[in-house]
Amino acid sequence: MRERKAIVLDLNGCKYLYELHERIRVTFDFPEWYGRNWDAFWDLLRSEISEEITDVEITGLGKLPAALKESGEKMIEILQENKEYQEEANKRNPNYDCWLDHHIID
């Protein structure tokens, strides 16, 4: 089993969608060419770029302004779908050993 690597996505004080995606890019160490949209987030979560990350702690989610609440929910939805996808992949192929979990810390 791989060593677990935790990262903290701090959304405190985040006011704009671009800023939210930029925090994602920096925290996940995504490349500069990250598309800063939910399709790009999903794609990079399922790529080798994020294979080392196993735990994401999210702070400030409950403090997002009303205009970003839907985006915060979408981000959590994608993280959950990715987690379920990886669980199924691990069941089908025991050598896969890739997974990512998330925890909301507010």
PDB file of N, CA and C in Angstrom:
ATOM      1  N   MET A   1       0.838  -1.185   0.000  1.00  0.00           N
ATOM      2  CA  MET A   1       0.000   0.000   0.000  1.00  0.00           C
ATOM      3  C   MET A   1       0.882   1.248   0.000  1.00  0.00           C
ATOM      4  N   ARG A   2       0.443   2.249  -0.731  1.00  0.00           N
ATOM      5  CA  ARG A   2       1.207   3.487  -0.838  1.00  0.00           C
ATOM      6  C   ARG A   2       1.135   4.308   0.434  1.00  0.00           C
ATOM      7  N   GLU A   3       2.130   5.154   0.610  1.00  0.00           N
ATOM      8  CA  GLU A   3       2.099   6.108   1.705  1.00  0.00           C
ATOM      9  C   GLU A   3       1.062   7.175   1.375  1.00  0.00           C
ATOM     10  N   ARG A   4       0.290   7.555   2.369  1.00  0.00           N
ATOM     11  CA  ARG A   4      -0.766   8.546   2.156  1.00  0.00           C
ATOM     12  C   ARG A   4      -0.192   9.963   2.218  1.00  0.00           C
ATOM     13  N   LYS A   5      -0.655  10.802   1.325  1.00  0.00           N
ATOM     14  CA  LYS A   5      -0.225  12.200   1.286  1.00  0.00           C
ATOM     15  C   LYS A   5      -1.472  13.072   1.436  1.00  0.00           C
ATOM     16  N   ALA A   6      -1.486  13.892   2.452  1.00  0.00           N
ATOM     17  CA  ALA A   6      -2.619  14.779   2.687  1.00  0.00           C
ATOM     18  C   ALA A   6      -2.301  16.186   2.202  1.00  0.00           C
ATOM     19  N   ILE A   7      -3.323  16.837   1.670  1.00  0.00           N
ATOM     20  CA  ILE A   7      -3.209  18.240   1.287  1.00  0.00           C
ATOM     21  C   ILE A   7      -4.390  18.979   1.912  1.00  0.00           C
ATOM     22  N   VAL A   8      -4.235  20.284   2.077  1.00  0.00           N
ATOM     23  CA  VAL A   8      -5.303  21.112   2.636  1.00  0.00           C
ATOM     24  C   VAL A   8      -5.695  22.150   1.589  1.00  0.00           C
ATOM     25  N   LEU A   9      -6.962  22.103   1.189  1.00  0.00           N
ATOM     26  CA  LEU A   9      -7.519  23.101   0.277  1.00  0.00           C
ATOM     27  C   LEU A   9      -8.232  24.142   1.133  1.00  0.00           C
ATOM     28  N   ASP A  10      -7.624  25.301   1.264  1.00  0.00           N
ATOM     29  CA  ASP A  10      -8.158  26.370   2.115  1.00  0.00           C
ATOM     30  C   ASP A  10      -8.970  27.332   1.251  1.00  0.00           C
ATOM     31  N   LEU A  11     -10.276  27.357   1.488  1.00  0.00           N
ATOM     32  CA  LEU A  11     -11.167  28.230   0.730  1.00  0.00           C
ATOM     33  C   LEU A  11     -11.580  29.467   1.520  1.00  0.00           C
ATOM     34  N   ASN A  12     -11.012  29.647   2.699  1.00  0.00           N
ATOM     35  CA  ASN A  12     -11.342  30.826   3.508  1.00  0.00           C
ATOM     36  C   ASN A  12     -11.013  32.105   2.735  1.00  0.00           C
ATOM     37  N   GLY A  13     -11.966  33.007   2.701  1.00  0.00           N
ATOM     38  CA  GLY A  13     -11.770  34.287   2.030  1.00  0.00           C
ATOM     39  C   GLY A  13     -11.900  34.229   0.521  1.00  0.00           C
ATOM     40  N   CYS A  14     -12.198  33.077  -0.028  1.00  0.00           N
ATOM     41  CA  CYS A  14     -12.343  32.934  -1.485  1.00  0.00           C
ATOM     42  C   CYS A  14     -13.633  33.640  -1.919  1.00  0.00           C
ATOM     43  N   LYS A  15     -13.535  34.517  -2.926  1.00  0.00           N
ATOM     44  CA  LYS A  15     -14.682  35.326  -3.327  1.00  0.00           C
ATOM     45  C   LYS A  15     -15.139  35.096  -4.764  1.00  0.00           C
ATOM     46  N   TYR A  16     -14.268  34.547  -5.610  1.00  0.00           N
ATOM     47  CA  TYR A  16     -14.596  34.428  -7.035  1.00  0.00           C
ATOM     48  C   TYR A  16     -14.300  33.023  -7.544  1.00  0.00           C
ATOM     49  N   LEU A  17     -15.018  32.610  -8.564  1.00  0.00           N
ATOM     50  CA  LEU A  17     -14.835  31.274  -9.126  1.00  0.00           C
ATOM     51  C   LEU A  17     -13.415  31.075  -9.639  1.00  0.00           C
ATOM     52  N   TYR A  18     -12.860  32.074 -10.304  1.00  0.00           N
ATOM     53  CA  TYR A  18     -11.484  31.952 -10.783  1.00  0.00           C
ATOM     54  C   TYR A  18     -10.531  31.716  -9.609  1.00  0.00           C
ATOM     55  N   GLU A  19     -10.744  32.443  -8.524  1.00  0.00           N
ATOM     56  CA  GLU A  19      -9.903  32.285  -7.343  1.00  0.00           C
ATOM     57  C   GLU A  19     -10.049  30.883  -6.746  1.00  0.00           C
ATOM     58  N   LEU A  20     -11.273  30.343  -6.727  1.00  0.00           N
ATOM     59  CA  LEU A  20     -11.490  28.998  -6.230  1.00  0.00           C
ATOM     60  C   LEU A  20     -10.688  27.993  -7.059  1.00  0.00           C
ATOM     61  N   HIS A  21     -10.764  28.113  -8.378  1.00  0.00           N
ATOM     62  CA  HIS A  21     -10.016  27.201  -9.254  1.00  0.00           C
ATOM     63  C   HIS A  21      -8.505  27.410  -9.135  1.00  0.00           C
ATOM     64  N   GLU A  22      -8.086  28.625  -8.908  1.00  0.00           N
ATOM     65  CA  GLU A  22      -6.649  28.870  -8.739  1.00  0.00           C
ATOM     66  C   GLU A  22      -6.151  28.233  -7.442  1.00  0.00           C
ATOM     67  N   ARG A  23      -6.956  28.290  -6.407  1.00  0.00           N
ATOM     68  CA  ARG A  23      -6.572  27.614  -5.162  1.00  0.00           C
ATOM     69  C   ARG A  23      -6.507  26.106  -5.375  1.00  0.00           C
ATOM     70  N   ILE A  24      -7.448  25.563  -6.136  1.00  0.00           N
ATOM     71  CA  ILE A  24      -7.416  24.134  -6.481  1.00  0.00           C
ATOM     72  C   ILE A  24      -6.128  23.827  -7.236  1.00  0.00           C
ATOM     73  N   ARG A  25      -5.819  24.635  -8.252  1.00  0.00           N
ATOM     74  CA  ARG A  25      -4.626  24.401  -9.058  1.00  0.00           C
ATOM     75  C   ARG A  25      -3.363  24.369  -8.204  1.00  0.00           C
ATOM     76  N   VAL A  26      -3.220  25.355  -7.336  1.00  0.00           N
ATOM     77  CA  VAL A  26      -2.018  25.442  -6.510  1.00  0.00           C
ATOM     78  C   VAL A  26      -1.977  24.296  -5.494  1.00  0.00           C
ATOM     79  N   THR A  27      -3.082  24.053  -4.812  1.00  0.00           N
ATOM     80  CA  THR A  27      -3.126  23.026  -3.768  1.00  0.00           C
ATOM     81  C   THR A  27      -2.871  21.633  -4.335  1.00  0.00           C
ATOM     82  N   PHE A  28      -3.484  21.314  -5.459  1.00  0.00           N
ATOM     83  CA  PHE A  28      -3.322  19.995  -6.073  1.00  0.00           C
ATOM     84  C   PHE A  28      -2.053  19.917  -6.918  1.00  0.00           C
ATOM     85  N   ASP A  29      -1.342  21.025  -7.029  1.00  0.00           N
ATOM     86  CA  ASP A  29      -0.138  21.102  -7.848  1.00  0.00           C
ATOM     87  C   ASP A  29      -0.433  20.742  -9.305  1.00  0.00           C
ATOM     88  N   PHE A  30      -1.591  21.224  -9.784  1.00  0.00           N
ATOM     89  CA  PHE A  30      -1.948  21.034 -11.185  1.00  0.00           C
ATOM     90  C   PHE A  30      -1.079  21.959 -12.034  1.00  0.00           C
ATOM     91  N   PRO A  31      -0.865  21.608 -13.294  1.00  0.00           N
ATOM     92  CA  PRO A  31      -0.034  22.460 -14.159  1.00  0.00           C
ATOM     93  C   PRO A  31      -0.710  23.799 -14.464  1.00  0.00           C
ATOM     94  N   GLU A  32       0.088  24.733 -14.895  1.00  0.00           N
ATOM     95  CA  GLU A  32      -0.425  26.067 -15.226  1.00  0.00           C
ATOM     96  C   GLU A  32      -1.545  25.995 -16.272  1.00  0.00           C
ATOM     97  N   TRP A  33      -1.498  24.998 -17.141  1.00  0.00           N
ATOM     98  CA  TRP A  33      -2.506  24.885 -18.198  1.00  0.00           C
ATOM     99  C   TRP A  33      -3.839  24.303 -17.715  1.00  0.00           C
ATOM    100  N   TYR A  34      -3.973  24.067 -16.405  1.00  0.00           N
ATOM    101  CA  TYR A  34      -5.257  23.612 -15.847  1.00  0.00           C
ATOM    102  C   TYR A  34      -6.354  24.547 -16.335  1.00  0.00           C
ATOM    103  N   GLY A  35      -7.437  23.990 -16.857  1.00  0.00           N
ATOM    104  CA  GLY A  35      -8.485  24.773 -17.498  1.00  0.00           C
ATOM    105  C   GLY A  35      -9.382  25.592 -16.591  1.00  0.00           C
ATOM    106  N   ARG A  36      -9.229  25.438 -15.280  1.00  0.00           N
ATOM    107  CA  ARG A  36     -10.008  26.199 -14.301  1.00  0.00           C
ATOM    108  C   ARG A  36     -11.514  26.077 -14.544  1.00  0.00           C
ATOM    109  N   ASN A  37     -11.932  24.836 -14.762  1.00  0.00           N
ATOM    110  CA  ASN A  37     -13.350  24.513 -14.873  1.00  0.00           C
ATOM    111  C   ASN A  37     -13.552  23.100 -14.331  1.00  0.00           C
ATOM    112  N   TRP A  38     -14.796  22.689 -14.148  1.00  0.00           N
ATOM    113  CA  TRP A  38     -15.067  21.409 -13.486  1.00  0.00           C
ATOM    114  C   TRP A  38     -14.704  20.211 -14.338  1.00  0.00           C
ATOM    115  N   ASP A  39     -14.797  20.324 -15.651  1.00  0.00           N
ATOM    116  CA  ASP A  39     -14.356  19.218 -16.516  1.00  0.00           C
ATOM    117  C   ASP A  39     -12.846  19.000 -16.382  1.00  0.00           C
ATOM    118  N   ALA A  40     -12.100  20.082 -16.351  1.00  0.00           N
ATOM    119  CA  ALA A  40     -10.642  19.976 -16.200  1.00  0.00           C
ATOM    120  C   ALA A  40     -10.283  19.419 -14.826  1.00  0.00           C
ATOM    121  N   PHE A  41     -11.008  19.827 -13.788  1.00  0.00           N
ATOM    122  CA  PHE A  41     -10.781  19.298 -12.447  1.00  0.00           C
ATOM    123  C   PHE A  41     -10.976  17.788 -12.433  1.00  0.00           C
ATOM    124  N   TRP A  42     -12.073  17.328 -12.991  1.00  0.00           N
ATOM    125  CA  TRP A  42     -12.352  15.892 -13.070  1.00  0.00           C
ATOM    126  C   TRP A  42     -11.248  15.169 -13.833  1.00  0.00           C
ATOM    127  N   ASP A  43     -10.874  15.695 -14.973  1.00  0.00           N
ATOM    128  CA  ASP A  43      -9.849  15.047 -15.797  1.00  0.00           C
ATOM    129  C   ASP A  43      -8.519  14.916 -15.053  1.00  0.00           C
ATOM    130  N   LEU A  44      -8.097  15.977 -14.378  1.00  0.00           N
ATOM    131  CA  LEU A  44      -6.805  15.931 -13.686  1.00  0.00           C
ATOM    132  C   LEU A  44      -6.862  15.066 -12.425  1.00  0.00           C
ATOM    133  N   LEU A  45      -8.028  14.975 -11.794  1.00  0.00           N
ATOM    134  CA  LEU A  45      -8.154  14.066 -10.655  1.00  0.00           C
ATOM    135  C   LEU A  45      -7.943  12.619 -11.089  1.00  0.00           C
ATOM    136  N   ARG A  46      -8.332  12.316 -12.304  1.00  0.00           N
ATOM    137  CA  ARG A  46      -8.225  10.946 -12.799  1.00  0.00           C
ATOM    138  C   ARG A  46      -6.929  10.698 -13.557  1.00  0.00           C
ATOM    139  N   SER A  47      -6.006  11.614 -13.486  1.00  0.00           N
ATOM    140  CA  SER A  47      -4.743  11.462 -14.204  1.00  0.00           C
ATOM    141  C   SER A  47      -3.621  11.131 -13.235  1.00  0.00           C
ATOM    142  N   GLU A  48      -2.483  10.816 -13.785  1.00  0.00           N
ATOM    143  CA  GLU A  48      -1.320  10.498 -12.946  1.00  0.00           C
ATOM    144  C   GLU A  48      -0.819  11.715 -12.174  1.00  0.00           C
ATOM    145  N   ILE A  49      -1.252  12.893 -12.551  1.00  0.00           N
ATOM    146  CA  ILE A  49      -0.832  14.115 -11.859  1.00  0.00           C
ATOM    147  C   ILE A  49      -1.240  14.069 -10.393  1.00  0.00           C
ATOM    148  N   SER A  50      -2.404  13.501 -10.095  1.00  0.00           N
ATOM    149  CA  SER A  50      -2.888  13.501  -8.715  1.00  0.00           C
ATOM    150  C   SER A  50      -2.750  12.137  -8.032  1.00  0.00           C
ATOM    151  N   GLU A  51      -1.984  11.225  -8.596  1.00  0.00           N
ATOM    152  CA  GLU A  51      -1.869   9.890  -8.019  1.00  0.00           C
ATOM    153  C   GLU A  51      -1.243   9.860  -6.632  1.00  0.00           C
ATOM    154  N   GLU A  52      -0.413  10.810  -6.292  1.00  0.00           N
ATOM    155  CA  GLU A  52       0.226  10.813  -4.981  1.00  0.00           C
ATOM    156  C   GLU A  52      -0.702  11.308  -3.880  1.00  0.00           C
ATOM    157  N   ILE A  53      -1.740  12.025  -4.231  1.00  0.00           N
ATOM    158  CA  ILE A  53      -2.637  12.617  -3.243  1.00  0.00           C
ATOM    159  C   ILE A  53      -3.668  11.570  -2.823  1.00  0.00           C
ATOM    160  N   THR A  54      -3.802  11.377  -1.521  1.00  0.00           N
ATOM    161  CA  THR A  54      -4.784  10.418  -1.037  1.00  0.00           C
ATOM    162  C   THR A  54      -5.800  11.026  -0.083  1.00  0.00           C
ATOM    163  N   ASP A  55      -5.496  12.151   0.499  1.00  0.00           N
ATOM    164  CA  ASP A  55      -6.419  12.806   1.425  1.00  0.00           C
ATOM    165  C   ASP A  55      -6.454  14.305   1.141  1.00  0.00           C
ATOM    166  N   VAL A  56      -7.669  14.826   0.989  1.00  0.00           N
ATOM    167  CA  VAL A  56      -7.855  16.263   0.799  1.00  0.00           C
ATOM    168  C   VAL A  56      -8.706  16.774   1.949  1.00  0.00           C
ATOM    169  N   GLU A  57      -8.159  17.674   2.723  1.00  0.00           N
ATOM    170  CA  GLU A  57      -8.915  18.335   3.780  1.00  0.00           C
ATOM    171  C   GLU A  57      -9.335  19.694   3.237  1.00  0.00           C
ATOM    172  N   ILE A  58     -10.624  19.979   3.327  1.00  0.00           N
ATOM    173  CA  ILE A  58     -11.168  21.213   2.767  1.00  0.00           C
ATOM    174  C   ILE A  58     -11.627  22.098   3.916  1.00  0.00           C
ATOM    175  N   THR A  59     -11.060  23.285   3.993  1.00  0.00           N
ATOM    176  CA  THR A  59     -11.462  24.252   5.015  1.00  0.00           C
ATOM    177  C   THR A  59     -12.107  25.457   4.335  1.00  0.00           C
ATOM    178  N   GLY A  60     -13.041  26.068   5.025  1.00  0.00           N
ATOM    179  CA  GLY A  60     -13.678  27.282   4.508  1.00  0.00           C
ATOM    180  C   GLY A  60     -14.825  27.034   3.553  1.00  0.00           C
ATOM    181  N   LEU A  61     -15.195  25.789   3.323  1.00  0.00           N
ATOM    182  CA  LEU A  61     -16.274  25.497   2.379  1.00  0.00           C
ATOM    183  C   LEU A  61     -17.582  26.142   2.825  1.00  0.00           C
ATOM    184  N   GLY A  62     -17.885  26.050   4.098  1.00  0.00           N
ATOM    185  CA  GLY A  62     -19.119  26.625   4.620  1.00  0.00           C
ATOM    186  C   GLY A  62     -19.127  28.137   4.670  1.00  0.00           C
ATOM    187  N   LYS A  63     -17.970  28.748   4.460  1.00  0.00           N
ATOM    188  CA  LYS A  63     -17.864  30.203   4.499  1.00  0.00           C
ATOM    189  C   LYS A  63     -17.832  30.834   3.104  1.00  0.00           C
ATOM    190  N   LEU A  64     -17.991  30.003   2.080  1.00  0.00           N
ATOM    191  CA  LEU A  64     -18.003  30.563   0.720  1.00  0.00           C
ATOM    192  C   LEU A  64     -19.189  31.504   0.561  1.00  0.00           C
ATOM    193  N   PRO A  65     -19.020  32.587  -0.198  1.00  0.00           N
ATOM    194  CA  PRO A  65     -20.152  33.485  -0.440  1.00  0.00           C
ATOM    195  C   PRO A  65     -21.259  32.752  -1.214  1.00  0.00           C
ATOM    196  N   ALA A  66     -22.464  33.257  -1.114  1.00  0.00           N
ATOM    197  CA  ALA A  66     -23.626  32.630  -1.754  1.00  0.00           C
ATOM    198  C   ALA A  66     -23.380  32.354  -3.240  1.00  0.00           C
ATOM    199  N   ALA A  67     -22.684  33.250  -3.914  1.00  0.00           N
ATOM    200  CA  ALA A  67     -22.430  33.094  -5.349  1.00  0.00           C
ATOM    201  C   ALA A  67     -21.544  31.881  -5.656  1.00  0.00           C
ATOM    202  N   LEU A  68     -20.806  31.376  -4.654  1.00  0.00           N
ATOM    203  CA  LEU A  68     -19.919  30.225  -4.872  1.00  0.00           C
ATOM    204  C   LEU A  68     -20.427  28.936  -4.240  1.00  0.00           C
ATOM    205  N   LYS A  69     -21.556  28.969  -3.563  1.00  0.00           N
ATOM    206  CA  LYS A  69     -22.083  27.772  -2.890  1.00  0.00           C
ATOM    207  C   LYS A  69     -22.283  26.625  -3.876  1.00  0.00           C
ATOM    208  N   GLU A  70     -22.881  26.913  -5.029  1.00  0.00           N
ATOM    209  CA  GLU A  70     -23.111  25.876  -6.036  1.00  0.00           C
ATOM    210  C   GLU A  70     -21.790  25.298  -6.542  1.00  0.00           C
ATOM    211  N   SER A  71     -20.792  26.137  -6.713  1.00  0.00           N
ATOM    212  CA  SER A  71     -19.472  25.664  -7.153  1.00  0.00           C
ATOM    213  C   SER A  71     -18.834  24.781  -6.087  1.00  0.00           C
ATOM    214  N   GLY A  72     -18.986  25.150  -4.829  1.00  0.00           N
ATOM    215  CA  GLY A  72     -18.473  24.319  -3.746  1.00  0.00           C
ATOM    216  C   GLY A  72     -19.131  22.954  -3.732  1.00  0.00           C
ATOM    217  N   GLU A  73     -20.447  22.936  -3.941  1.00  0.00           N
ATOM    218  CA  GLU A  73     -21.172  21.665  -4.011  1.00  0.00           C
ATOM    219  C   GLU A  73     -20.711  20.833  -5.197  1.00  0.00           C
ATOM    220  N   LYS A  74     -20.471  21.477  -6.328  1.00  0.00           N
ATOM    221  CA  LYS A  74     -19.995  20.767  -7.521  1.00  0.00           C
ATOM    222  C   LYS A  74     -18.621  20.156  -7.261  1.00  0.00           C
ATOM    223  N   MET A  75     -17.748  20.885  -6.602  1.00  0.00           N
ATOM    224  CA  MET A  75     -16.413  20.381  -6.297  1.00  0.00           C
ATOM    225  C   MET A  75     -16.511  19.122  -5.427  1.00  0.00           C
ATOM    226  N   ILE A  76     -17.358  19.163  -4.400  1.00  0.00           N
ATOM    227  CA  ILE A  76     -17.534  18.012  -3.512  1.00  0.00           C
ATOM    228  C   ILE A  76     -18.134  16.840  -4.292  1.00  0.00           C
ATOM    229  N   GLU A  77     -19.079  17.118  -5.153  1.00  0.00           N
ATOM    230  CA  GLU A  77     -19.687  16.074  -5.984  1.00  0.00           C
ATOM    231  C   GLU A  77     -18.630  15.378  -6.848  1.00  0.00           C
ATOM    232  N   ILE A  78     -17.746  16.148  -7.440  1.00  0.00           N
ATOM    233  CA  ILE A  78     -16.693  15.582  -8.285  1.00  0.00           C
ATOM    234  C   ILE A  78     -15.714  14.768  -7.445  1.00  0.00           C
ATOM    235  N   LEU A  79     -15.337  15.275  -6.286  1.00  0.00           N
ATOM    236  CA  LEU A  79     -14.438  14.519  -5.414  1.00  0.00           C
ATOM    237  C   LEU A  79     -15.079  13.199  -4.995  1.00  0.00           C
ATOM    238  N   GLN A  80     -16.383  13.215  -4.697  1.00  0.00           N
ATOM    239  CA  GLN A  80     -17.077  11.991  -4.293  1.00  0.00           C
ATOM    240  C   GLN A  80     -17.169  11.007  -5.463  1.00  0.00           C
ATOM    241  N   GLU A  81     -17.508  11.500  -6.651  1.00  0.00           N
ATOM    242  CA  GLU A  81     -17.578  10.633  -7.833  1.00  0.00           C
ATOM    243  C   GLU A  81     -16.217  10.016  -8.128  1.00  0.00           C
ATOM    244  N   ASN A  82     -15.163  10.802  -7.971  1.00  0.00           N
ATOM    245  CA  ASN A  82     -13.811  10.301  -8.203  1.00  0.00           C
ATOM    246  C   ASN A  82     -13.466   9.216  -7.179  1.00  0.00           C
ATOM    247  N   LYS A  83     -13.839   9.436  -5.936  1.00  0.00           N
ATOM    248  CA  LYS A  83     -13.591   8.445  -4.886  1.00  0.00           C
ATOM    249  C   LYS A  83     -14.288   7.123  -5.230  1.00  0.00           C
ATOM    250  N   GLU A  84     -15.538   7.206  -5.645  1.00  0.00           N
ATOM    251  CA  GLU A  84     -16.291   6.000  -5.999  1.00  0.00           C
ATOM    252  C   GLU A  84     -15.689   5.317  -7.224  1.00  0.00           C
ATOM    253  N   TYR A  85     -15.268   6.092  -8.198  1.00  0.00           N
ATOM    254  CA  TYR A  85     -14.618   5.543  -9.384  1.00  0.00           C
ATOM    255  C   TYR A  85     -13.351   4.779  -9.000  1.00  0.00           C
ATOM    256  N   GLN A  86     -12.545   5.368  -8.136  1.00  0.00           N
ATOM    257  CA  GLN A  86     -11.293   4.724  -7.734  1.00  0.00           C
ATOM    258  C   GLN A  86     -11.545   3.479  -6.888  1.00  0.00           C
ATOM    259  N   GLU A  87     -12.588   3.496  -6.045  1.00  0.00           N
ATOM    260  CA  GLU A  87     -12.926   2.302  -5.271  1.00  0.00           C
ATOM    261  C   GLU A  87     -13.275   1.151  -6.199  1.00  0.00           C
ATOM    262  N   GLU A  88     -14.056   1.427  -7.239  1.00  0.00           N
ATOM    263  CA  GLU A  88     -14.412   0.388  -8.204  1.00  0.00           C
ATOM    264  C   GLU A  88     -13.188  -0.098  -8.979  1.00  0.00           C
ATOM    265  N   ALA A  89     -12.328   0.813  -9.369  1.00  0.00           N
ATOM    266  CA  ALA A  89     -11.109   0.435 -10.092  1.00  0.00           C
ATOM    267  C   ALA A  89     -10.214  -0.442  -9.221  1.00  0.00           C
ATOM    268  N   ASN A  90     -10.124  -0.123  -7.935  1.00  0.00           N
ATOM    269  CA  ASN A  90      -9.317  -0.929  -7.014  1.00  0.00           C
ATOM    270  C   ASN A  90      -9.903  -2.320  -6.835  1.00  0.00           C
ATOM    271  N   LYS A  91     -11.235  -2.446  -6.861  1.00  0.00           N
ATOM    272  CA  LYS A  91     -11.873  -3.762  -6.756  1.00  0.00           C
ATOM    273  C   LYS A  91     -11.579  -4.607  -7.989  1.00  0.00           C
ATOM    274  N   ARG A  92     -11.645  -3.988  -9.166  1.00  0.00           N
ATOM    275  CA  ARG A  92     -11.405  -4.704 -10.422  1.00  0.00           C
ATOM    276  C   ARG A  92      -9.942  -5.074 -10.591  1.00  0.00           C
ATOM    277  N   ASN A  93      -9.050  -4.225 -10.105  1.00  0.00           N
ATOM    278  CA  ASN A  93      -7.626  -4.448 -10.300  1.00  0.00           C
ATOM    279  C   ASN A  93      -6.886  -4.153  -8.993  1.00  0.00           C
ATOM    280  N   PRO A  94      -6.591  -5.190  -8.209  1.00  0.00           N
ATOM    281  CA  PRO A  94      -5.927  -4.980  -6.922  1.00  0.00           C
ATOM    282  C   PRO A  94      -4.571  -4.285  -7.032  1.00  0.00           C
ATOM    283  N   ASN A  95      -3.944  -4.297  -8.181  1.00  0.00           N
ATOM    284  CA  ASN A  95      -2.655  -3.640  -8.371  1.00  0.00           C
ATOM    285  C   ASN A  95      -2.803  -2.139  -8.646  1.00  0.00           C
ATOM    286  N   TYR A  96      -4.024  -1.689  -8.844  1.00  0.00           N
ATOM    287  CA  TYR A  96      -4.269  -0.276  -9.148  1.00  0.00           C
ATOM    288  C   TYR A  96      -3.815   0.615  -7.994  1.00  0.00           C
ATOM    289  N   ASP A  97      -4.268   0.337  -6.779  1.00  0.00           N
ATOM    290  CA  ASP A  97      -3.840   1.026  -5.558  1.00  0.00           C
ATOM    291  C   ASP A  97      -3.777   2.548  -5.716  1.00  0.00           C
ATOM    292  N   CYS A  98      -4.858   3.121  -6.164  1.00  0.00           N
ATOM    293  CA  CYS A  98      -4.940   4.570  -6.303  1.00  0.00           C
ATOM    294  C   CYS A  98      -6.297   4.999  -5.763  1.00  0.00           C
ATOM    295  N   TRP A  99      -6.292   5.939  -4.838  1.00  0.00           N
ATOM    296  CA  TRP A  99      -7.545   6.438  -4.296  1.00  0.00           C
ATOM    297  C   TRP A  99      -7.342   7.792  -3.667  1.00  0.00           C
ATOM    298  N   LEU A 100      -8.430   8.507  -3.575  1.00  0.00           N
ATOM    299  CA  LEU A 100      -8.386   9.854  -3.033  1.00  0.00           C
ATOM    300  C   LEU A 100      -9.642  10.068  -2.209  1.00  0.00           C
ATOM    301  N   ASP A 101      -9.492  10.491  -0.986  1.00  0.00           N
ATOM    302  CA  ASP A 101     -10.627  10.765  -0.125  1.00  0.00           C
ATOM    303  C   ASP A 101     -10.629  12.249   0.244  1.00  0.00           C
ATOM    304  N   HIS A 102     -11.743  12.733   0.687  1.00  0.00           N
ATOM    305  CA  HIS A 102     -11.840  14.137   1.072  1.00  0.00           C
ATOM    306  C   HIS A 102     -12.609  14.270   2.386  1.00  0.00           C
ATOM    307  N   HIS A 103     -12.257  15.313   3.127  1.00  0.00           N
ATOM    308  CA  HIS A 103     -12.878  15.594   4.419  1.00  0.00           C
ATOM    309  C   HIS A 103     -13.104  17.097   4.500  1.00  0.00           C
ATOM    310  N   ILE A 104     -14.291  17.460   4.923  1.00  0.00           N
ATOM    311  CA  ILE A 104     -14.596  18.870   5.078  1.00  0.00           C
ATOM    312  C   ILE A 104     -14.319  19.260   6.520  1.00  0.00           C
ATOM    313  N   ILE A 105     -13.426  20.195   6.700  1.00  0.00           N
ATOM    314  CA  ILE A 105     -13.027  20.693   8.013  1.00  0.00           C
ATOM    315  C   ILE A 105     -13.465  22.158   8.078  1.00  0.00           C
ATOM    316  N   ASP A 106     -14.460  22.452   8.824  1.00  0.00           N
ATOM    317  CA  ASP A 106     -14.917  23.835   8.934  1.00  0.00           C
ATOM    318  C   ASP A 106     -14.889  24.187  10.355  1.00  0.00           C
TER     319      ASP A 106
END
